[in-house]
Structures are given as structure tokens and as C-alpha cells.
Amino acid sequence: MQSERRKTRAGDAKWWLWALLVLNAMWVVDLFVLGGEVGVLTGPQGLVLALGRLTGLGGALALVLQLVLIARVPWLERRLGMDRLTSWHRWTGTWVLWLVSAHVVLITVGYAEQDRSPVLSEFGSLVSETGDLLLAAAGAALLVVVGVTSARAARRRMRYETWHFLHLGAYLAVLLGFLHQVTSGNDFVGSPIGRAYWWTLYGAALGMVLVFRFLLPLWRMARHDTRVLGVVPEGPDVVSIHIGGRRLDRLPARAGQFFLWRFLATGLCAQAHPYSLSAMPDGKTLRITVKALGDGSAALRNLRVGTRVLAEGPYGAFTTEQCTGRDVLLIGGGVGVTPIRALLEELAQTRQDVVVLYRVGDQREAVLVSELQWLAQRAGAQLHVVIGPATAVGRHGPIMGPQHLAALVPGIRHRDVFLCGPPGMTDAVLGALRTLGVPRAQCHTERFAFAA
């Protein structure tokens, strides 16, 4: 029943998002027509200019949608989950790039045809002779940089801190694009209704970002006075950080969720990293377990007790609210075992049949394994630690392949599956689950890839 309610809530949230997008797209086209834009449709160059302006308006609307998707609005996040919203944010970003690029090309070609000048010469004239177009060109260039560095191949080749710094340029691009609309857009210059519409739209989107990504975390830090209580080594490059504060029982956090953590220490204040809770919240303390994957995460082992913590969240729909009442299979890979460990602690209080698979390449990577063993014993759960390289083959074929999973997990088709691990492992296991006939609605994943 709880799962059905959650599906209904998720469906309602998607419906509202689509409805608002369609209504705003219709309103933008209506303003385009009422603003006299159709009047430029005189000859080929008029058609090109009109299409250029329309794609510019579409790019602006898509950019606003991007801001809403990544604003961490609690109503959306609780219903859809941060990984899904982030995925839609990336998908929308592709459309922003295409629409903005089409806007630049079509406007330049249209004016070049109108002035009978070479395209590159016309572009240079537009940028150099008009100050606001220079700002707009800078904003478009920033969007291209953000889009290119957000591609999967590029993200794998750069540190998280570098990507995060570059991604902040998107906010400057939004501001520059808005200034361009204010000074050159027919909706602003010649239409009071259009001017009110775009001010409201941009104001609402940026207001959501300001409230939910900045003011709410600051308010919670002040309210709960969150600070580091201790740093405990769990392995050669893994530490657990214990965080305490006031009235943490009023923080709406659940096992399986994550926060964007910002530690207010020298060299770390500017960095926000997504880390899952590695223990079920008890209302008194929070715990995360971090592997040193970059300079920022490596520096966390040197945190001092008492360091203030700014926690943005909690985020994620990777919780037992997803359970359909069936038995449960928990699968963690590497340090992705942290939300799995927290979920097992919560499930230990139920009477469900639980199986836990912990996938690591080497025994030394099996952090928190002693805690998993204790919790599994307490919950009456089966725990399997699967060790070996990605190419390893066992008695039942490739490890974590369909036959191997079926052999380790009785009744796997009838279980809710919670899966968290590296992207490659996650995709491979989901493929194996599909081969085994596990319904998609029973497979729940959490992906953090540059969630900030």
C-alpha cells in the first residue's frame, strides 16, 4: 500500500512537471506571436530570424526548467528522487545547448542575409558593436563549456572539484542570458505582459535555488548546530565521520538517503560532496563513510572535532518507502555499500527475508563488513561477500551475472532490489536482473554521479 501511494505521488509530480512545461511553452509561443515576431516573416531572411528568436525563447525556457530540476525542491525530490531529477537535468541541458546554438546560428545567418555580408563577418559585427550581444555570446560560451564538461567521457577525466567549479558557471550564463533578453528581447522591450512573465519565471526559478540550496541548509545548520564529533579510520583510504548536533530527531532523514556535505574547514568550505548516511539516523548523530577518491575526500580524514558542517538535504528516494511488501535483496558495490548498510539496519527491525550481496574487487576494500555481519545476524539475513575482479568467473558463470545471482538469492524475481555501486557494476547488475525477469518496478538504484 505504501509503495502504491509512492508511485501515485511520483506520477502526480511527473504530470505536474509536464503540464507546467507544456503550458509555459504555449505561453512563450503566444507571446512570440503577440509581440509581432511573426511580422518578420517576409522573405527567407525573415523566416530565419523568426526561427532564431523562437529557438532563443525555447532555450531560455529549457534553462529555467533546468534550474527547477536542480533546485532541490522538497516536494519534487521526495516524490521523484535526486538521481531521476539529476538525469532529467542533464537531458534538458542537451536541449539547452541545441536550442541556444541554433539561436546563435540562425540569428547570425538571418542578419547576414539581410545585410548581404559574410556570416563570420556578421557574427563579429553583432558581438563587437552591441554590448549586450557580447554578454550573450559569453553566456552561450559558458553553457557550451558546462555542457561539454558534463558529458560522461569528460567527467571521468576530471576531479569532482574541477567539474563542480566549472558547473557553477551555468548560473553566470543564466544571468548573462537574462540580461540579453532584458535589453534585446521583444518580450521585454515591447510587451509589458511578456516582461512580467519572464521576470516572474526567472525570479521563481532562481528563488527556488536560493531558498532550497542555500538558505534552507544555512537555517538547518544554525538550528541543529551540526559539528564533527569524530573521524574513525575504516581502512587504508576510508574513514567514517560522526556528526552531532541539536534536535537531530527533527531532521527528516532516513536510512538510504544522502546529503551534500560541506565541511567548514580550511580548504574545504567551497566543496560540497554527496555522501550517503552509512548508519540509520537515530535522532542523535549522523554518520557517513567516505573513500578517498579526490583531494577533497582525502582531506576529510584530517577533520578536527568540532568542525562545523553545512548539510544540504536529505535527498534521495532510496529508502524502504519503496518496498512493496516483498522480500528484499540489498546489493552494494565498493563504498556504495554505505546506504545498503543503513538500509539493513532499518530492515533488521522488520520480519522481512533479506539477502545482502557485497561486491568488492579485493578483500581490503570490504569496509564495514564486520558491521554487516553483525546486522545480518541480528536481522536473520543472508550475507554474501563477493570478491574478485570484474572479469572473474565462478561455478555459476561470471560473478554477479544472472546465473550467479540466481544461485545466491532464492526467489530473486519476487524481491525488492536495492542496488548502489559504481556505474559499470550498477548497469551490469540491472542487466542481469532484467535477464532473470525481475520487474523494473522492483529495482531501486541510487546514482551520485556529480549530483551537485
Protein backbone atom coordinates (compact mmCIF):
# COMPACT_ATOMS: atom_id res chain seq x y z
CA MET A 1 0.00 0.00 0.00
CA GLN A 2 2.82 2.40 0.91
CA SER A 3 4.61 1.64 -2.36
CA GLU A 4 1.41 2.22 -4.35
CA ARG A 5 0.97 5.61 -2.67
CA ARG A 6 4.55 6.50 -3.54
CA LYS A 7 4.04 5.52 -7.20
CA THR A 8 0.91 7.67 -7.31
CA ARG A 9 2.81 10.61 -5.80
CA ALA A 10 5.65 10.16 -8.30
CA GLY A 11 3.15 10.01 -11.16
CA ASP A 12 1.45 13.19 -9.91
CA ALA A 13 4.80 15.01 -9.74
CA LYS A 14 5.72 13.99 -13.31
CA TRP A 15 2.27 15.02 -14.53
CA TRP A 16 2.57 18.45 -12.93
CA LEU A 17 6.06 18.98 -14.38
CA TRP A 18 4.91 18.07 -17.89
CA ALA A 19 1.75 20.17 -17.59
CA LEU A 20 3.68 23.24 -16.44
CA LEU A 21 6.26 22.77 -19.19
CA VAL A 22 3.62 22.47 -21.91
CA LEU A 23 1.61 25.44 -20.58
CA ASN A 24 4.71 27.63 -20.43
CA ALA A 25 5.80 26.56 -23.91
CA MET A 26 2.35 27.54 -25.24
CA TRP A 27 2.56 30.85 -23.40
CA VAL A 28 6.02 31.58 -24.84
CA VAL A 29 4.78 30.92 -28.38
CA ASP A 30 1.73 33.10 -27.70
CA LEU A 31 3.93 35.96 -26.51
CA PHE A 32 6.11 35.45 -29.57
CA VAL A 33 3.09 35.93 -31.85
CA LEU A 34 1.53 38.77 -29.86
CA GLY A 35 4.87 40.55 -29.75
CA GLY A 36 4.85 40.95 -33.51
CA GLU A 37 7.54 38.34 -34.15
CA VAL A 38 5.50 36.76 -36.95
CA GLY A 39 5.67 40.09 -38.72
CA VAL A 40 9.32 39.44 -39.61
CA LEU A 41 8.29 36.52 -41.81
CA THR A 42 8.92 38.47 -45.00
CA GLY A 43 11.30 36.57 -47.20
CA PRO A 44 13.81 33.84 -46.38
CA GLN A 45 15.88 36.01 -44.03
CA GLY A 46 12.74 36.95 -42.09
CA LEU A 47 11.86 33.30 -41.61
CA VAL A 48 15.40 32.51 -40.42
CA LEU A 49 15.36 35.43 -37.96
CA ALA A 50 11.95 34.41 -36.60
CA LEU A 51 13.13 30.84 -36.08
CA GLY A 52 16.27 32.18 -34.44
CA ARG A 53 14.26 34.22 -31.95
CA LEU A 54 11.87 31.35 -31.26
CA THR A 55 14.73 28.91 -30.56
CA GLY A 56 16.23 31.54 -28.24
CA LEU A 57 12.99 31.71 -26.27
CA GLY A 58 12.82 27.91 -26.19
CA GLY A 59 16.40 27.77 -24.89
CA ALA A 60 15.53 30.27 -22.16
CA LEU A 61 12.52 28.19 -21.10
CA ALA A 62 14.59 24.98 -21.06
CA LEU A 63 17.23 26.75 -18.97
CA VAL A 64 14.58 27.75 -16.41
CA LEU A 65 13.39 24.13 -16.29
CA GLN A 66 16.98 23.05 -15.62
CA LEU A 67 17.13 25.37 -12.63
CA VAL A 68 13.86 23.99 -11.24
CA LEU A 69 15.03 20.37 -11.63
CA ILE A 70 18.26 21.02 -9.74
CA ALA A 71 16.83 23.44 -7.15
CA ARG A 72 16.29 20.57 -4.65
CA VAL A 73 12.59 21.39 -4.23
CA PRO A 74 11.49 19.02 -1.41
CA TRP A 75 8.06 18.35 -2.96
CA LEU A 76 9.69 17.10 -6.18
CA GLU A 77 12.69 15.43 -4.58
CA ARG A 78 10.65 13.30 -2.16
CA ARG A 79 8.44 12.05 -4.99
CA LEU A 80 10.93 11.55 -7.81
CA GLY A 81 14.34 11.13 -6.18
CA MET A 82 17.50 13.14 -6.75
CA ASP A 83 19.03 10.71 -9.26
CA ARG A 84 15.97 10.95 -11.55
CA LEU A 85 15.82 14.75 -11.28
CA THR A 86 19.55 14.99 -11.99
CA SER A 87 19.16 12.72 -15.02
CA TRP A 88 16.36 14.94 -16.37
CA HIS A 89 18.53 17.99 -15.62
CA ARG A 90 21.29 16.57 -17.84
CA TRP A 91 18.83 15.63 -20.58
CA THR A 92 17.34 19.14 -20.51
CA GLY A 93 20.86 20.56 -20.68
CA THR A 94 21.36 18.86 -24.04
CA TRP A 95 18.27 20.65 -25.35
CA VAL A 96 19.51 23.95 -23.94
CA LEU A 97 22.77 23.58 -25.88
CA TRP A 98 20.99 22.68 -29.13
CA LEU A 99 18.44 25.50 -28.83
CA VAL A 100 20.98 28.17 -27.83
CA SER A 101 23.35 27.05 -30.60
CA ALA A 102 20.50 27.13 -33.13
CA HIS A 103 19.54 30.61 -31.87
CA VAL A 104 23.07 31.96 -32.38
CA VAL A 105 23.47 30.37 -35.83
CA LEU A 106 20.03 31.33 -37.16
CA ILE A 107 20.18 34.93 -35.92
CA THR A 108 23.65 35.37 -37.44
CA VAL A 109 22.65 33.81 -40.76
CA GLY A 110 19.43 35.84 -40.90
CA TYR A 111 21.18 39.16 -40.35
CA ALA A 112 23.99 38.18 -42.75
CA GLU A 113 21.40 37.50 -45.44
CA GLN A 114 19.60 40.74 -44.64
CA ASP A 115 22.83 42.81 -44.77
CA ARG A 116 24.32 40.72 -47.60
CA SER A 117 27.54 40.17 -45.67
CA PRO A 118 29.62 37.05 -44.90
CA VAL A 119 28.34 35.03 -41.94
CA LEU A 120 31.55 35.22 -39.88
CA SER A 121 31.87 38.93 -40.54
CA GLU A 122 28.26 39.45 -39.49
CA PHE A 123 28.83 37.49 -36.28
CA GLY A 124 31.87 39.62 -35.45
CA SER A 125 29.90 42.80 -36.07
CA LEU A 126 26.98 41.69 -33.92
CA VAL A 127 29.24 40.82 -30.99
CA SER A 128 31.62 43.76 -31.20
CA GLU A 129 29.12 46.50 -31.93
CA THR A 130 26.43 45.54 -29.43
CA GLY A 131 27.40 45.28 -25.78
CA ASP A 132 24.51 43.06 -24.69
CA LEU A 133 25.20 40.60 -27.52
CA LEU A 134 28.77 40.35 -26.31
CA LEU A 135 27.42 39.34 -22.90
CA ALA A 136 25.03 36.90 -24.55
CA ALA A 137 27.90 35.36 -26.55
CA ALA A 138 29.87 34.96 -23.32
CA GLY A 139 26.86 33.28 -21.69
CA ALA A 140 26.46 30.90 -24.65
CA ALA A 141 30.17 30.04 -24.49
CA LEU A 142 29.83 29.27 -20.77
CA LEU A 143 26.89 26.97 -21.47
CA VAL A 144 28.95 25.11 -24.08
CA VAL A 145 31.81 24.67 -21.57
CA VAL A 146 29.40 23.40 -18.91
CA GLY A 147 27.71 21.06 -21.40
CA VAL A 148 30.96 19.62 -22.75
CA THR A 149 32.46 19.07 -19.29
CA SER A 150 29.22 17.39 -18.14
CA ALA A 151 29.49 14.68 -20.80
CA ARG A 152 30.27 11.29 -19.25
CA ALA A 153 33.61 10.93 -21.04
CA ALA A 154 34.75 14.36 -19.83
CA ARG A 155 33.54 13.86 -16.25
CA ARG A 156 35.56 10.66 -15.90
CA ARG A 157 38.74 12.57 -16.74
CA MET A 158 38.47 15.38 -14.22
CA ARG A 159 38.37 15.80 -10.48
CA TYR A 160 35.00 16.41 -8.88
CA GLU A 161 36.18 19.76 -7.51
CA THR A 162 37.15 20.94 -11.02
CA TRP A 163 33.84 19.85 -12.51
CA HIS A 164 31.88 21.49 -9.71
CA PHE A 165 33.72 24.81 -10.14
CA LEU A 166 33.11 24.82 -13.91
CA HIS A 167 29.46 23.87 -13.42
CA LEU A 168 28.90 26.95 -11.29
CA GLY A 169 29.43 28.91 -14.50
CA ALA A 170 25.92 27.89 -15.52
CA TYR A 171 24.48 30.39 -13.02
CA LEU A 172 26.53 33.19 -14.61
CA ALA A 173 25.33 32.01 -18.04
CA VAL A 174 21.72 32.29 -16.86
CA LEU A 175 22.34 35.84 -15.65
CA LEU A 176 24.03 36.89 -18.90
CA GLY A 177 21.27 35.36 -20.99
CA PHE A 178 18.63 37.12 -18.91
CA LEU A 179 20.39 40.47 -19.37
CA HIS A 180 20.39 39.85 -23.12
CA GLN A 181 16.64 39.24 -23.03
CA VAL A 182 16.07 42.41 -20.98
CA THR A 183 17.84 44.65 -23.48
CA SER A 184 17.10 42.92 -26.82
CA GLY A 185 14.13 40.61 -26.43
CA ASN A 186 10.87 41.82 -27.94
CA ASP A 187 9.09 40.26 -24.96
CA PHE A 188 10.85 42.76 -22.68
CA VAL A 189 11.24 45.80 -24.88
CA GLY A 190 7.74 45.89 -26.38
CA SER A 191 5.45 43.82 -24.18
CA PRO A 192 4.58 44.63 -20.55
CA ILE A 193 2.88 41.23 -20.24
CA GLY A 194 5.92 39.45 -21.61
CA ARG A 195 8.19 41.45 -19.34
CA ALA A 196 6.13 40.46 -16.28
CA TYR A 197 6.05 36.82 -17.42
CA TRP A 198 9.81 36.43 -17.85
CA TRP A 199 10.64 38.33 -14.65
CA THR A 200 8.26 36.02 -12.76
CA LEU A 201 9.61 32.88 -14.40
CA TYR A 202 13.28 33.66 -13.81
CA GLY A 203 12.53 35.03 -10.35
CA ALA A 204 10.66 31.89 -9.30
CA ALA A 205 13.37 29.53 -10.59
CA LEU A 206 16.27 31.45 -9.09
CA GLY A 207 14.25 31.92 -5.89
CA MET A 208 13.87 28.13 -5.56
CA VAL A 209 17.63 27.69 -5.96
CA LEU A 210 18.33 30.40 -3.38
CA VAL A 211 15.83 29.08 -0.82
CA PHE A 212 16.36 25.33 -1.08
CA ARG A 213 20.07 25.15 -1.95
CA PHE A 214 21.40 27.97 0.21
CA LEU A 215 19.01 29.45 2.78
CA LEU A 216 17.45 26.17 3.98
CA PRO A 217 20.85 24.46 4.59
CA LEU A 218 22.08 27.57 6.42
CA TRP A 219 18.93 27.63 8.55
CA ARG A 220 19.30 23.94 9.38
CA MET A 221 22.96 24.37 10.28
CA ALA A 222 22.03 27.19 12.66
CA ARG A 223 19.08 25.24 14.07
CA HIS A 224 20.87 21.92 14.55
CA ASP A 225 24.42 23.24 15.10
CA THR A 226 25.87 20.28 13.20
CA ARG A 227 29.52 19.56 14.00
CA VAL A 228 32.07 16.78 13.59
CA LEU A 229 32.14 14.50 16.64
CA GLY A 230 34.86 12.15 15.45
CA VAL A 231 36.71 10.65 12.50
CA VAL A 232 37.23 6.88 12.58
CA PRO A 233 39.52 5.07 10.07
CA GLU A 234 37.78 2.09 8.45
CA GLY A 235 40.60 1.13 6.06
CA PRO A 236 43.70 2.47 4.29
CA ASP A 237 41.70 5.11 2.38
CA VAL A 238 38.28 5.03 4.08
CA VAL A 239 37.04 6.92 7.14
CA SER A 240 33.72 7.23 8.95
CA ILE A 241 32.74 10.72 10.09
CA HIS A 242 30.36 11.03 13.03
CA ILE A 243 28.30 14.22 13.11
CA GLY A 244 26.24 15.51 16.01
CA GLY A 245 24.00 18.46 16.77
CA ARG A 246 20.83 19.70 18.43
CA ARG A 247 17.39 18.22 17.82
CA LEU A 248 18.57 15.91 15.03
CA ASP A 249 15.39 13.90 15.56
CA ARG A 250 13.59 16.76 13.76
CA LEU A 251 15.78 16.39 10.69
CA PRO A 252 13.69 14.41 8.15
CA ALA A 253 16.46 11.93 7.30
CA ARG A 254 16.00 8.21 6.59
CA ALA A 255 18.28 5.24 6.03
CA GLY A 256 19.37 5.15 2.38
CA GLN A 257 19.34 8.92 1.88
CA PHE A 258 22.28 11.23 1.31
CA PHE A 259 23.27 14.84 1.94
CA LEU A 260 25.53 17.25 0.13
CA TRP A 261 28.11 17.84 2.84
CA ARG A 262 30.20 20.99 3.19
CA PHE A 263 32.77 20.98 5.99
CA LEU A 264 33.67 24.49 7.14
CA ALA A 265 37.39 23.88 7.45
CA THR A 266 40.34 25.46 5.66
CA GLY A 267 40.43 24.33 2.04
CA LEU A 268 37.07 22.52 2.24
CA CYS A 269 34.49 25.30 2.58
CA ALA A 270 33.98 25.67 -1.18
CA GLN A 271 33.40 21.95 -1.77
CA ALA A 272 30.09 20.13 -1.43
CA HIS A 273 30.12 16.35 -1.83
CA PRO A 274 27.25 13.81 -1.96
CA TYR A 275 27.72 11.14 0.72
CA SER A 276 25.12 8.65 1.92
CA LEU A 277 24.36 8.01 5.55
CA SER A 278 26.18 4.81 6.47
CA ALA A 279 24.05 4.24 9.57
CA MET A 280 20.35 4.61 10.22
CA PRO A 281 19.65 8.04 11.76
CA ASP A 282 18.95 7.67 15.48
CA GLY A 283 17.95 11.27 16.19
CA LYS A 284 21.24 11.97 18.00
CA THR A 285 24.03 11.52 15.46
CA LEU A 286 24.59 11.06 11.73
CA ARG A 287 27.37 9.02 10.17
CA ILE A 288 28.92 8.96 6.70
CA THR A 289 31.69 6.70 5.42
CA VAL A 290 33.96 8.20 2.78
CA LYS A 291 36.57 6.75 0.44
CA ALA A 292 39.44 8.99 -0.70
CA LEU A 293 38.65 9.40 -4.40
CA GLY A 294 39.90 13.00 -4.76
CA ASP A 295 41.74 15.73 -2.89
CA GLY A 296 38.56 16.86 -1.10
CA SER A 297 37.53 13.43 0.16
CA ALA A 298 41.13 12.53 1.07
CA ALA A 299 41.38 15.64 3.25
CA LEU A 300 38.39 14.58 5.35
CA ARG A 301 40.49 12.17 7.42
CA ASN A 302 42.20 15.26 8.88
CA LEU A 303 38.97 16.94 10.03
CA ARG A 304 39.10 18.24 13.58
CA VAL A 305 36.46 17.51 16.17
CA GLY A 306 34.13 20.48 16.42
CA THR A 307 34.34 21.46 12.74
CA ARG A 308 31.01 22.95 11.68
CA VAL A 309 29.10 21.12 8.98
CA LEU A 310 26.69 22.51 6.39
CA ALA A 311 24.46 19.66 5.23
CA GLU A 312 22.19 20.16 2.23
CA GLY A 313 19.46 17.55 2.27
CA PRO A 314 18.40 14.89 3.00
CA TYR A 315 17.95 13.75 -0.60
CA GLY A 316 17.06 10.54 -2.37
CA ALA A 317 14.16 8.14 -2.68
CA PHE A 318 16.42 5.13 -1.98
CA THR A 319 14.51 4.20 1.18
CA THR A 320 12.30 1.43 2.49
CA GLU A 321 9.31 3.52 1.37
CA GLN A 322 9.99 1.86 -2.00
CA CYS A 323 9.30 -1.60 -0.58
CA THR A 324 6.25 -3.36 -1.97
CA GLY A 325 5.90 -5.79 0.93
CA ARG A 326 8.04 -8.43 -0.75
CA ASP A 327 11.30 -9.91 0.50
CA VAL A 328 14.38 -7.75 -0.06
CA LEU A 329 17.72 -8.05 -1.83
CA LEU A 330 20.38 -5.44 -0.97
CA ILE A 331 23.37 -5.14 -3.34
CA GLY A 332 26.31 -2.83 -2.63
CA GLY A 333 29.50 -2.37 -4.60
CA GLY A 334 32.64 -0.87 -3.06
CA VAL A 335 31.91 2.20 -0.98
CA GLY A 336 28.37 2.08 -2.42
CA VAL A 337 27.68 -0.28 0.46
CA THR A 338 27.15 2.69 2.78
CA PRO A 339 23.40 3.23 2.10
CA ILE A 340 23.00 -0.57 1.94
CA ARG A 341 24.41 -0.88 5.46
CA ALA A 342 21.96 1.79 6.69
CA LEU A 343 19.02 0.07 4.99
CA LEU A 344 20.00 -3.27 6.52
CA GLU A 345 19.98 -1.65 9.96
CA GLU A 346 16.44 -0.42 9.39
CA LEU A 347 15.27 -3.73 7.88
CA ALA A 348 16.71 -5.57 10.88
CA GLN A 349 13.71 -4.19 12.79
CA THR A 350 11.25 -5.93 10.43
CA ARG A 351 10.42 -9.56 9.77
CA GLN A 352 11.26 -9.50 6.06
CA ASP A 353 13.52 -12.07 4.42
CA VAL A 354 16.67 -10.12 3.48
CA VAL A 355 19.67 -11.15 1.39
CA VAL A 356 22.74 -8.88 1.17
CA LEU A 357 25.37 -9.07 -1.60
CA TYR A 358 28.53 -7.05 -1.05
CA ARG A 359 30.67 -6.83 -4.20
CA VAL A 360 34.35 -5.86 -3.89
CA GLY A 361 37.39 -6.38 -6.07
CA ASP A 362 39.69 -7.16 -3.14
CA GLN A 363 39.25 -8.21 0.48
CA ARG A 364 40.93 -4.97 1.60
CA GLU A 365 38.08 -2.99 0.00
CA ALA A 366 35.43 -4.67 2.14
CA VAL A 367 34.82 -1.80 4.56
CA LEU A 368 32.09 -2.10 7.21
CA VAL A 369 31.97 -5.87 6.63
CA SER A 370 32.06 -6.64 10.36
CA GLU A 371 29.07 -4.33 10.89
CA LEU A 372 27.21 -6.01 8.03
CA GLN A 373 27.87 -9.41 9.57
CA TRP A 374 26.55 -8.26 12.95
CA LEU A 375 23.45 -6.66 11.43
CA ALA A 376 22.78 -9.67 9.20
CA GLN A 377 22.91 -11.95 12.23
CA ARG A 378 20.57 -9.64 14.12
CA ALA A 379 18.13 -9.49 11.18
CA GLY A 380 18.38 -13.17 10.30
CA ALA A 381 19.62 -12.09 6.86
CA GLN A 382 21.96 -13.90 4.46
CA LEU A 383 25.18 -12.01 3.72
CA HIS A 384 27.40 -12.88 0.74
CA VAL A 385 30.68 -11.03 0.22
CA VAL A 386 31.54 -11.48 -3.46
CA ILE A 387 35.26 -10.90 -4.09
CA GLY A 388 37.12 -10.80 -7.39
CA PRO A 389 37.90 -8.71 -10.47
CA ALA A 390 35.18 -7.67 -12.90
CA THR A 391 36.19 -10.48 -15.28
CA ALA A 392 36.04 -13.21 -12.60
CA VAL A 393 34.09 -16.37 -13.44
CA GLY A 394 32.80 -18.77 -10.80
CA ARG A 395 30.97 -22.08 -10.67
CA HIS A 396 27.79 -20.40 -11.93
CA GLY A 397 29.37 -18.26 -14.63
CA PRO A 398 30.51 -14.60 -14.38
CA ILE A 399 30.19 -13.31 -10.84
CA MET A 400 27.17 -11.05 -10.43
CA GLY A 401 25.87 -12.48 -13.72
CA PRO A 402 22.30 -13.90 -13.98
CA GLN A 403 23.18 -17.49 -13.06
CA HIS A 404 25.39 -16.38 -10.17
CA LEU A 405 22.68 -14.10 -8.75
CA ALA A 406 20.02 -16.78 -9.11
CA ALA A 407 22.23 -19.27 -7.27
CA LEU A 408 22.93 -16.91 -4.37
CA VAL A 409 19.46 -15.40 -3.95
CA PRO A 410 16.42 -17.66 -3.59
CA GLY A 411 13.23 -16.27 -5.14
CA ILE A 412 15.06 -13.30 -6.67
CA ARG A 413 12.19 -12.49 -9.05
CA HIS A 414 9.89 -11.80 -6.13
CA ARG A 415 12.19 -9.46 -4.20
CA ASP A 416 12.55 -5.71 -3.98
CA VAL A 417 16.13 -5.00 -5.06
CA PHE A 418 18.12 -2.04 -3.70
CA LEU A 419 21.33 -1.52 -5.67
CA CYS A 420 24.13 1.02 -5.14
CA GLY A 421 27.63 0.88 -6.59
CA PRO A 422 29.92 2.12 -9.37
CA PRO A 423 28.09 2.93 -12.65
CA GLY A 424 29.58 -0.03 -14.53
CA MET A 425 28.60 -2.53 -11.87
CA THR A 426 25.15 -0.98 -11.45
CA ASP A 427 24.40 -1.22 -15.19
CA ALA A 428 25.69 -4.81 -15.37
CA VAL A 429 23.62 -5.95 -12.38
CA LEU A 430 20.48 -4.26 -13.71
CA GLY A 431 21.01 -6.12 -16.99
CA ALA A 432 21.33 -9.41 -15.09
CA LEU A 433 18.16 -8.65 -13.10
CA ARG A 434 16.25 -7.99 -16.33
CA THR A 435 17.51 -11.31 -17.71
CA LEU A 436 16.19 -13.03 -14.59
CA GLY A 437 12.79 -11.41 -15.06
CA VAL A 438 12.86 -9.09 -12.05
CA PRO A 439 10.27 -6.37 -12.80
CA ARG A 440 11.70 -2.89 -13.28
CA ALA A 441 9.33 -1.52 -10.59
CA GLN A 442 11.10 -3.74 -8.02
CA CYS A 443 14.60 -2.46 -8.87
CA HIS A 444 15.69 0.64 -6.94
CA THR A 445 19.03 2.34 -7.54
CA GLU A 446 20.89 5.37 -6.28
CA ARG A 447 23.41 7.11 -8.50
CA PHE A 448 25.51 10.00 -7.26
CA ALA A 449 27.49 10.86 -10.41
CA PHE A 450 28.07 14.61 -9.94
CA ALA A 451 24.75 15.11 -8.25
CA ALA A 452 25.67 18.57 -7.09
